[in-house]
PDB file of N, CA and C in Angstrom:
ATOM      1  N   UNK A   1       9.167 -19.100 -21.137  1.00  0.00           N
ATOM      2  CA  UNK A   1       8.486 -18.257 -20.166  1.00  0.00           C
ATOM      3  C   UNK A   1       7.103 -18.092 -20.517  1.00  0.00           C
ATOM      4  N   UNK A   2       6.254 -18.195 -19.512  1.00  0.00           N
ATOM      5  CA  UNK A   2       4.792 -17.934 -19.697  1.00  0.00           C
ATOM      6  C   UNK A   2       4.484 -16.482 -19.263  1.00  0.00           C
ATOM      7  N   UNK A   3       3.908 -15.694 -20.110  1.00  0.00           N
ATOM      8  CA  UNK A   3       3.532 -14.370 -19.708  1.00  0.00           C
ATOM      9  C   UNK A   3       2.044 -14.217 -19.524  1.00  0.00           C
ATOM     10  N   UNK A   4       1.626 -13.463 -18.568  1.00  0.00           N
ATOM     11  CA  UNK A   4       0.213 -13.236 -18.307  1.00  0.00           C
ATOM     12  C   UNK A   4      -0.070 -11.746 -18.287  1.00  0.00           C
ATOM     13  N   UNK A   5      -1.234 -11.391 -18.695  1.00  0.00           N
ATOM     14  CA  UNK A   5      -1.637  -9.960 -18.519  1.00  0.00           C
ATOM     15  C   UNK A   5      -2.454  -9.748 -17.289  1.00  0.00           C
ATOM     16  N   UNK A   6      -2.015  -8.829 -16.493  1.00  0.00           N
ATOM     17  CA  UNK A   6      -2.685  -8.482 -15.235  1.00  0.00           C
ATOM     18  C   UNK A   6      -2.964  -7.032 -15.212  1.00  0.00           C
ATOM     19  N   UNK A   7      -4.223  -6.693 -15.058  1.00  0.00           N
ATOM     20  CA  UNK A   7      -4.603  -5.302 -14.916  1.00  0.00           C
ATOM     21  C   UNK A   7      -5.678  -5.138 -13.883  1.00  0.00           C
ATOM     22  N   UNK A   8      -5.438  -4.376 -12.847  1.00  0.00           N
ATOM     23  CA  UNK A   8      -6.420  -4.209 -11.762  1.00  0.00           C
ATOM     24  C   UNK A   8      -7.082  -2.859 -11.852  1.00  0.00           C
ATOM     25  N   UNK A   9      -6.549  -1.942 -12.534  1.00  0.00           N
ATOM     26  CA  UNK A   9      -7.082  -0.570 -12.596  1.00  0.00           C
ATOM     27  C   UNK A   9      -6.528   0.237 -11.400  1.00  0.00           C
ATOM     28  N   UNK A  10      -5.705  -0.373 -10.553  1.00  0.00           N
ATOM     29  CA  UNK A  10      -5.143   0.341  -9.382  1.00  0.00           C
ATOM     30  C   UNK A  10      -3.654   0.307  -9.457  1.00  0.00           C
ATOM     31  N   UNK A  11      -3.044   1.457  -9.205  1.00  0.00           N
ATOM     32  CA  UNK A  11      -1.581   1.557  -9.277  1.00  0.00           C
ATOM     33  C   UNK A  11      -0.873   0.758  -8.169  1.00  0.00           C
ATOM     34  N   UNK A  12      -1.354   0.798  -6.979  1.00  0.00           N
ATOM     35  CA  UNK A  12      -0.660   0.142  -5.857  1.00  0.00           C
ATOM     36  C   UNK A  12      -0.656  -1.390  -6.034  1.00  0.00           C
ATOM     37  N   UNK A  13      -1.764  -2.079  -6.399  1.00  0.00           N
ATOM     38  CA  UNK A  13      -1.658  -3.531  -6.592  1.00  0.00           C
ATOM     39  C   UNK A  13      -0.738  -3.926  -7.784  1.00  0.00           C
ATOM     40  N   UNK A  14      -0.773  -3.102  -8.836  1.00  0.00           N
ATOM     41  CA  UNK A  14       0.089  -3.454  -9.970  1.00  0.00           C
ATOM     42  C   UNK A  14       1.550  -3.230  -9.623  1.00  0.00           C
ATOM     43  N   UNK A  15       1.872  -2.139  -8.938  1.00  0.00           N
ATOM     44  CA  UNK A  15       3.241  -1.922  -8.562  1.00  0.00           C
ATOM     45  C   UNK A  15       3.703  -3.003  -7.511  1.00  0.00           C
ATOM     46  N   UNK A  16       2.779  -3.448  -6.662  1.00  0.00           N
ATOM     47  CA  UNK A  16       3.150  -4.476  -5.706  1.00  0.00           C
ATOM     48  C   UNK A  16       3.550  -5.766  -6.478  1.00  0.00           C
ATOM     49  N   UNK A  17       2.874  -6.090  -7.591  1.00  0.00           N
ATOM     50  CA  UNK A  17       3.234  -7.222  -8.385  1.00  0.00           C
ATOM     51  C   UNK A  17       4.644  -7.086  -9.038  1.00  0.00           C
ATOM     52  N   UNK A  18       4.927  -5.892  -9.465  1.00  0.00           N
ATOM     53  CA  UNK A  18       6.272  -5.640  -9.998  1.00  0.00           C
ATOM     54  C   UNK A  18       7.371  -5.894  -8.984  1.00  0.00           C
ATOM     55  N   UNK A  19       7.066  -5.452  -7.766  1.00  0.00           N
ATOM     56  CA  UNK A  19       8.124  -5.579  -6.706  1.00  0.00           C
ATOM     57  C   UNK A  19       8.219  -7.068  -6.288  1.00  0.00           C
ATOM     58  N   UNK A  20       7.106  -7.735  -6.111  1.00  0.00           N
ATOM     59  CA  UNK A  20       7.127  -9.108  -5.631  1.00  0.00           C
ATOM     60  C   UNK A  20       7.621 -10.054  -6.648  1.00  0.00           C
ATOM     61  N   UNK A  21       7.119  -9.996  -7.861  1.00  0.00           N
ATOM     62  CA  UNK A  21       7.494 -10.951  -8.949  1.00  0.00           C
ATOM     63  C   UNK A  21       8.766 -10.511  -9.724  1.00  0.00           C
ATOM     64  N   UNK A  22       9.180  -9.307  -9.509  1.00  0.00           N
ATOM     65  CA  UNK A  22      10.357  -8.686 -10.189  1.00  0.00           C
ATOM     66  C   UNK A  22      10.207  -8.720 -11.718  1.00  0.00           C
ATOM     67  N   UNK A  23       8.965  -8.670 -12.150  1.00  0.00           N
ATOM     68  CA  UNK A  23       8.682  -8.612 -13.589  1.00  0.00           C
ATOM     69  C   UNK A  23       7.385  -7.816 -13.804  1.00  0.00           C
ATOM     70  N   UNK A  24       7.393  -6.969 -14.836  1.00  0.00           N
ATOM     71  CA  UNK A  24       6.194  -6.245 -15.142  1.00  0.00           C
ATOM     72  C   UNK A  24       6.417  -4.775 -15.391  1.00  0.00           C
ATOM     73  N   UNK A  25       5.337  -4.188 -15.861  1.00  0.00           N
ATOM     74  CA  UNK A  25       5.354  -2.710 -16.199  1.00  0.00           C
ATOM     75  C   UNK A  25       4.002  -2.169 -15.733  1.00  0.00           C
ATOM     76  N   UNK A  26       4.043  -0.958 -15.188  1.00  0.00           N
ATOM     77  CA  UNK A  26       2.808  -0.200 -14.921  1.00  0.00           C
ATOM     78  C   UNK A  26       2.989   1.136 -15.608  1.00  0.00           C
ATOM     79  N   UNK A  27       1.964   1.575 -16.351  1.00  0.00           N
ATOM     80  CA  UNK A  27       2.051   2.882 -16.959  1.00  0.00           C
ATOM     81  C   UNK A  27       0.754   3.617 -16.789  1.00  0.00           C
ATOM     82  N   UNK A  28       0.867   4.888 -16.643  1.00  0.00           N
ATOM     83  CA  UNK A  28      -0.275   5.798 -16.601  1.00  0.00           C
ATOM     84  C   UNK A  28       0.174   7.004 -17.423  1.00  0.00           C
ATOM     85  N   UNK A  29      -0.174   6.919 -18.686  1.00  0.00           N
ATOM     86  CA  UNK A  29       0.260   7.947 -19.631  1.00  0.00           C
ATOM     87  C   UNK A  29      -0.916   8.825 -20.081  1.00  0.00           C
ATOM     88  N   UNK A  30      -0.578   9.980 -20.721  1.00  0.00           N
ATOM     89  CA  UNK A  30      -1.581  10.900 -21.177  1.00  0.00           C
ATOM     90  C   UNK A  30      -1.819  10.668 -22.732  1.00  0.00           C
ATOM     91  N   UNK A  31      -2.912  11.226 -23.224  1.00  0.00           N
ATOM     92  CA  UNK A  31      -3.129  11.245 -24.636  1.00  0.00           C
ATOM     93  C   UNK A  31      -3.664  12.587 -24.971  1.00  0.00           C
ATOM     94  N   UNK A  32      -3.916  12.921 -26.238  1.00  0.00           N
ATOM     95  CA  UNK A  32      -4.426  14.232 -26.563  1.00  0.00           C
ATOM     96  C   UNK A  32      -5.789  14.488 -25.953  1.00  0.00           C
ATOM     97  N   UNK A  33      -6.530  13.490 -25.546  1.00  0.00           N
ATOM     98  CA  UNK A  33      -7.895  13.745 -24.958  1.00  0.00           C
ATOM     99  C   UNK A  33      -7.885  13.546 -23.450  1.00  0.00           C
ATOM    100  N   UNK A  34      -6.840  13.042 -22.799  1.00  0.00           N
ATOM    101  CA  UNK A  34      -6.823  12.818 -21.360  1.00  0.00           C
ATOM    102  C   UNK A  34      -5.659  13.584 -20.729  1.00  0.00           C
ATOM    103  N   UNK A  35      -5.833  14.053 -19.513  1.00  0.00           N
ATOM    104  CA  UNK A  35      -4.842  14.738 -18.803  1.00  0.00           C
ATOM    105  C   UNK A  35      -4.233  13.752 -17.745  1.00  0.00           C
ATOM    106  N   UNK A  36      -3.062  14.147 -17.211  1.00  0.00           N
ATOM    107  CA  UNK A  36      -2.421  13.337 -16.200  1.00  0.00           C
ATOM    108  C   UNK A  36      -3.308  13.335 -14.956  1.00  0.00           C
ATOM    109  N   UNK A  37      -3.354  12.156 -14.295  1.00  0.00           N
ATOM    110  CA  UNK A  37      -4.200  12.038 -13.083  1.00  0.00           C
ATOM    111  C   UNK A  37      -3.408  11.888 -11.828  1.00  0.00           C
ATOM    112  N   UNK A  38      -2.246  11.342 -11.892  1.00  0.00           N
ATOM    113  CA  UNK A  38      -1.488  10.995 -10.707  1.00  0.00           C
ATOM    114  C   UNK A  38      -0.653  12.231 -10.203  1.00  0.00           C
ATOM    115  N   UNK A  39      -0.828  12.415  -8.850  1.00  0.00           N
ATOM    116  CA  UNK A  39      -0.075  13.593  -8.304  1.00  0.00           C
ATOM    117  C   UNK A  39       1.342  13.195  -7.954  1.00  0.00           C
ATOM    118  N   UNK A  40       2.237  14.039  -8.430  1.00  0.00           N
ATOM    119  CA  UNK A  40       3.702  13.764  -8.243  1.00  0.00           C
ATOM    120  C   UNK A  40       4.104  13.615  -6.823  1.00  0.00           C
ATOM    121  N   UNK A  41       3.708  14.559  -5.979  1.00  0.00           N
ATOM    122  CA  UNK A  41       4.179  14.582  -4.598  1.00  0.00           C
ATOM    123  C   UNK A  41       3.601  13.495  -3.711  1.00  0.00           C
ATOM    124  N   UNK A  42       2.401  13.061  -3.998  1.00  0.00           N
ATOM    125  CA  UNK A  42       1.694  12.148  -3.116  1.00  0.00           C
ATOM    126  C   UNK A  42       1.594  10.677  -3.651  1.00  0.00           C
ATOM    127  N   UNK A  43       1.637  10.502  -4.968  1.00  0.00           N
ATOM    128  CA  UNK A  43       1.493   9.203  -5.547  1.00  0.00           C
ATOM    129  C   UNK A  43       2.674   8.713  -6.329  1.00  0.00           C
ATOM    130  N   UNK A  44       3.149   9.558  -7.230  1.00  0.00           N
ATOM    131  CA  UNK A  44       4.231   9.146  -8.166  1.00  0.00           C
ATOM    132  C   UNK A  44       5.566   8.979  -7.450  1.00  0.00           C
ATOM    133  N   UNK A  45       6.063  10.016  -6.821  1.00  0.00           N
ATOM    134  CA  UNK A  45       7.384   9.966  -6.162  1.00  0.00           C
ATOM    135  C   UNK A  45       7.498   8.908  -5.037  1.00  0.00           C
ATOM    136  N   UNK A  46       6.522   8.788  -4.148  1.00  0.00           N
ATOM    137  CA  UNK A  46       6.699   7.712  -3.143  1.00  0.00           C
ATOM    138  C   UNK A  46       6.810   6.323  -3.704  1.00  0.00           C
ATOM    139  N   UNK A  47       6.016   6.003  -4.708  1.00  0.00           N
ATOM    140  CA  UNK A  47       6.088   4.658  -5.292  1.00  0.00           C
ATOM    141  C   UNK A  47       7.326   4.537  -6.188  1.00  0.00           C
ATOM    142  N   UNK A  48       7.790   5.605  -6.781  1.00  0.00           N
ATOM    143  CA  UNK A  48       9.050   5.564  -7.556  1.00  0.00           C
ATOM    144  C   UNK A  48      10.186   5.213  -6.603  1.00  0.00           C
ATOM    145  N   UNK A  49      10.184   5.798  -5.394  1.00  0.00           N
ATOM    146  CA  UNK A  49      11.226   5.458  -4.395  1.00  0.00           C
ATOM    147  C   UNK A  49      11.207   3.953  -4.093  1.00  0.00           C
ATOM    148  N   UNK A  50      10.020   3.425  -3.805  1.00  0.00           N
ATOM    149  CA  UNK A  50       9.909   1.964  -3.493  1.00  0.00           C
ATOM    150  C   UNK A  50      10.401   1.134  -4.623  1.00  0.00           C
ATOM    151  N   UNK A  51       9.907   1.404  -5.870  1.00  0.00           N
ATOM    152  CA  UNK A  51      10.308   0.570  -7.032  1.00  0.00           C
ATOM    153  C   UNK A  51      11.767   0.624  -7.313  1.00  0.00           C
ATOM    154  N   UNK A  52      12.346   1.824  -7.253  1.00  0.00           N
ATOM    155  CA  UNK A  52      13.793   1.977  -7.532  1.00  0.00           C
ATOM    156  C   UNK A  52      14.677   1.352  -6.396  1.00  0.00           C
ATOM    157  N   UNK A  53      14.268   1.459  -5.129  1.00  0.00           N
ATOM    158  CA  UNK A  53      14.984   0.772  -4.082  1.00  0.00           C
ATOM    159  C   UNK A  53      14.892  -0.703  -4.160  1.00  0.00           C
ATOM    160  N   UNK A  54      13.787  -1.249  -4.806  1.00  0.00           N
ATOM    161  CA  UNK A  54      13.670  -2.675  -4.971  1.00  0.00           C
ATOM    162  C   UNK A  54      14.357  -3.173  -6.225  1.00  0.00           C
ATOM    163  N   UNK A  55      15.009  -2.293  -6.920  1.00  0.00           N
ATOM    164  CA  UNK A  55      15.773  -2.723  -8.210  1.00  0.00           C
ATOM    165  C   UNK A  55      15.087  -2.415  -9.443  1.00  0.00           C
ATOM    166  N   UNK A  56      13.956  -1.762  -9.409  1.00  0.00           N
ATOM    167  CA  UNK A  56      13.267  -1.438 -10.649  1.00  0.00           C
ATOM    168  C   UNK A  56      13.602  -0.044 -11.164  1.00  0.00           C
ATOM    169  N   UNK A  57      12.777   0.489 -12.075  1.00  0.00           N
ATOM    170  CA  UNK A  57      13.034   1.786 -12.598  1.00  0.00           C
ATOM    171  C   UNK A  57      11.726   2.560 -12.802  1.00  0.00           C
ATOM    172  N   UNK A  58      11.837   3.856 -12.903  1.00  0.00           N
ATOM    173  CA  UNK A  58      10.631   4.695 -13.166  1.00  0.00           C
ATOM    174  C   UNK A  58      11.030   5.664 -14.272  1.00  0.00           C
ATOM    175  N   UNK A  59      10.021   6.041 -15.050  1.00  0.00           N
ATOM    176  CA  UNK A  59      10.217   7.102 -16.046  1.00  0.00           C
ATOM    177  C   UNK A  59       9.031   8.066 -15.970  1.00  0.00           C
ATOM    178  N   UNK A  60       9.337   9.297 -15.898  1.00  0.00           N
ATOM    179  CA  UNK A  60       8.297  10.304 -15.656  1.00  0.00           C
ATOM    180  C   UNK A  60       8.171  11.312 -16.755  1.00  0.00           C
ATOM    181  N   UNK A  61       7.054  11.862 -17.031  1.00  0.00           N
ATOM    182  CA  UNK A  61       6.804  12.950 -17.993  1.00  0.00           C
ATOM    183  C   UNK A  61       7.117  12.512 -19.439  1.00  0.00           C
ATOM    184  N   UNK A  62       7.055  11.189 -19.749  1.00  0.00           N
ATOM    185  CA  UNK A  62       7.360  10.727 -21.119  1.00  0.00           C
ATOM    186  C   UNK A  62       8.841  10.916 -21.490  1.00  0.00           C
ATOM    187  N   UNK A  63       9.710  11.083 -20.542  1.00  0.00           N
ATOM    188  CA  UNK A  63      11.132  11.282 -20.785  1.00  0.00           C
ATOM    189  C   UNK A  63      11.876  10.237 -20.016  1.00  0.00           C
ATOM    190  N   UNK A  64      13.184  10.121 -20.213  1.00  0.00           N
ATOM    191  CA  UNK A  64      13.984   9.147 -19.479  1.00  0.00           C
ATOM    192  C   UNK A  64      14.453   9.857 -18.205  1.00  0.00           C
ATOM    193  N   UNK A  65      13.451  10.326 -17.393  1.00  0.00           N
ATOM    194  CA  UNK A  65      13.744  10.981 -16.107  1.00  0.00           C
ATOM    195  C   UNK A  65      13.070  10.141 -15.045  1.00  0.00           C
ATOM    196  N   UNK A  66      13.781   9.879 -14.004  1.00  0.00           N
ATOM    197  CA  UNK A  66      13.249   9.151 -12.887  1.00  0.00           C
ATOM    198  C   UNK A  66      12.103   9.944 -12.192  1.00  0.00           C
ATOM    199  N   UNK A  67      11.107   9.262 -11.682  1.00  0.00           N
ATOM    200  CA  UNK A  67      10.022   9.887 -10.944  1.00  0.00           C
ATOM    201  C   UNK A  67      10.560  10.679  -9.748  1.00  0.00           C
ATOM    202  N   UNK A  68      11.766  10.360  -9.285  1.00  0.00           N
ATOM    203  CA  UNK A  68      12.330  11.053  -8.168  1.00  0.00           C
ATOM    204  C   UNK A  68      13.106  12.341  -8.578  1.00  0.00           C
ATOM    205  N   UNK A  69      13.407  12.467  -9.850  1.00  0.00           N
ATOM    206  CA  UNK A  69      14.177  13.625 -10.344  1.00  0.00           C
ATOM    207  C   UNK A  69      13.342  14.781 -10.882  1.00  0.00           C
ATOM    208  N   UNK A  70      12.054  14.635 -10.890  1.00  0.00           N
ATOM    209  CA  UNK A  70      11.207  15.681 -11.443  1.00  0.00           C
ATOM    210  C   UNK A  70      11.064  16.777 -10.339  1.00  0.00           C
ATOM    211  N   UNK A  71      11.239  18.033 -10.778  1.00  0.00           N
ATOM    212  CA  UNK A  71      11.123  19.135  -9.859  1.00  0.00           C
ATOM    213  C   UNK A  71       9.686  19.431  -9.536  1.00  0.00           C
ATOM    214  N   UNK A  72       9.382  19.507  -8.232  1.00  0.00           N
ATOM    215  CA  UNK A  72       8.000  19.824  -7.835  1.00  0.00           C
ATOM    216  C   UNK A  72       7.800  21.317  -7.871  1.00  0.00           C
ATOM    217  N   UNK A  73       6.835  21.761  -8.703  1.00  0.00           N
ATOM    218  CA  UNK A  73       6.529  23.176  -8.840  1.00  0.00           C
ATOM    219  C   UNK A  73       5.336  23.588  -8.064  1.00  0.00           C
ATOM    220  N   UNK A  74       4.383  22.686  -7.796  1.00  0.00           N
ATOM    221  CA  UNK A  74       3.248  22.927  -6.979  1.00  0.00           C
ATOM    222  C   UNK A  74       2.765  21.663  -6.263  1.00  0.00           C
ATOM    223  N   UNK A  75       2.106  21.813  -5.093  1.00  0.00           N
ATOM    224  CA  UNK A  75       1.786  20.599  -4.369  1.00  0.00           C
ATOM    225  C   UNK A  75       0.816  19.705  -5.023  1.00  0.00           C
ATOM    226  N   UNK A  76      -0.002  20.179  -5.987  1.00  0.00           N
ATOM    227  CA  UNK A  76      -0.984  19.377  -6.701  1.00  0.00           C
ATOM    228  C   UNK A  76      -0.526  19.040  -8.113  1.00  0.00           C
ATOM    229  N   UNK A  77       0.747  19.115  -8.347  1.00  0.00           N
ATOM    230  CA  UNK A  77       1.269  18.859  -9.775  1.00  0.00           C
ATOM    231  C   UNK A  77       0.988  17.441 -10.121  1.00  0.00           C
ATOM    232  N   UNK A  78       0.451  17.228 -11.344  1.00  0.00           N
ATOM    233  CA  UNK A  78       0.060  15.907 -11.870  1.00  0.00           C
ATOM    234  C   UNK A  78       1.000  15.567 -13.032  1.00  0.00           C
ATOM    235  N   UNK A  79       1.253  14.303 -13.206  1.00  0.00           N
ATOM    236  CA  UNK A  79       2.222  13.817 -14.187  1.00  0.00           C
ATOM    237  C   UNK A  79       1.889  12.436 -14.646  1.00  0.00           C
ATOM    238  N   UNK A  80       2.522  12.043 -15.754  1.00  0.00           N
ATOM    239  CA  UNK A  80       2.422  10.621 -16.206  1.00  0.00           C
ATOM    240  C   UNK A  80       3.631   9.864 -15.741  1.00  0.00           C
ATOM    241  N   UNK A  81       3.466   8.557 -15.572  1.00  0.00           N
ATOM    242  CA  UNK A  81       4.566   7.730 -14.990  1.00  0.00           C
ATOM    243  C   UNK A  81       4.542   6.353 -15.586  1.00  0.00           C
ATOM    244  N   UNK A  82       5.694   5.732 -15.649  1.00  0.00           N
ATOM    245  CA  UNK A  82       5.864   4.328 -16.040  1.00  0.00           C
ATOM    246  C   UNK A  82       6.845   3.690 -15.024  1.00  0.00           C
ATOM    247  N   UNK A  83       6.409   2.659 -14.350  1.00  0.00           N
ATOM    248  CA  UNK A  83       7.228   1.899 -13.459  1.00  0.00           C
ATOM    249  C   UNK A  83       7.489   0.520 -14.046  1.00  0.00           C
ATOM    250  N   UNK A  84       8.662  -0.057 -13.804  1.00  0.00           N
ATOM    251  CA  UNK A  84       8.850  -1.392 -14.360  1.00  0.00           C
ATOM    252  C   UNK A  84      10.083  -2.085 -13.756  1.00  0.00           C
ATOM    253  N   UNK A  85      10.170  -3.337 -13.965  1.00  0.00           N
ATOM    254  CA  UNK A  85      11.369  -4.127 -13.549  1.00  0.00           C
ATOM    255  C   UNK A  85      12.443  -3.926 -14.558  1.00  0.00           C
ATOM    256  N   UNK A  86      13.654  -4.110 -14.132  1.00  0.00           N
ATOM    257  CA  UNK A  86      14.821  -3.935 -14.962  1.00  0.00           C
ATOM    258  C   UNK A  86      15.349  -5.316 -15.371  1.00  0.00           C
ATOM    259  N   UNK A  87      15.665  -5.490 -16.636  1.00  0.00           N
ATOM    260  CA  UNK A  87      16.193  -6.721 -17.029  1.00  0.00           C
ATOM    261  C   UNK A  87      15.344  -7.626 -17.757  1.00  0.00           C
TER     262      UNK A  87
END
């Protein structure tokens, strides 16, 4: 198998590649110097639904919790996310 690195800087194009090619990982994680950027209600959960319905998986908040299972506490809640293919 030949692997290639693809990074666009955009979540939607990278997730599109995961769905179409059925291979790949997208992550947007935090570090001690950066905060979470993606909004749970408007960005993370909708794409988690698409990825999981297409046979992939999502992990939210640095835990083994689906992006769909995180409780929404406020409309502007931000979180980290990892989407990927399974297998």
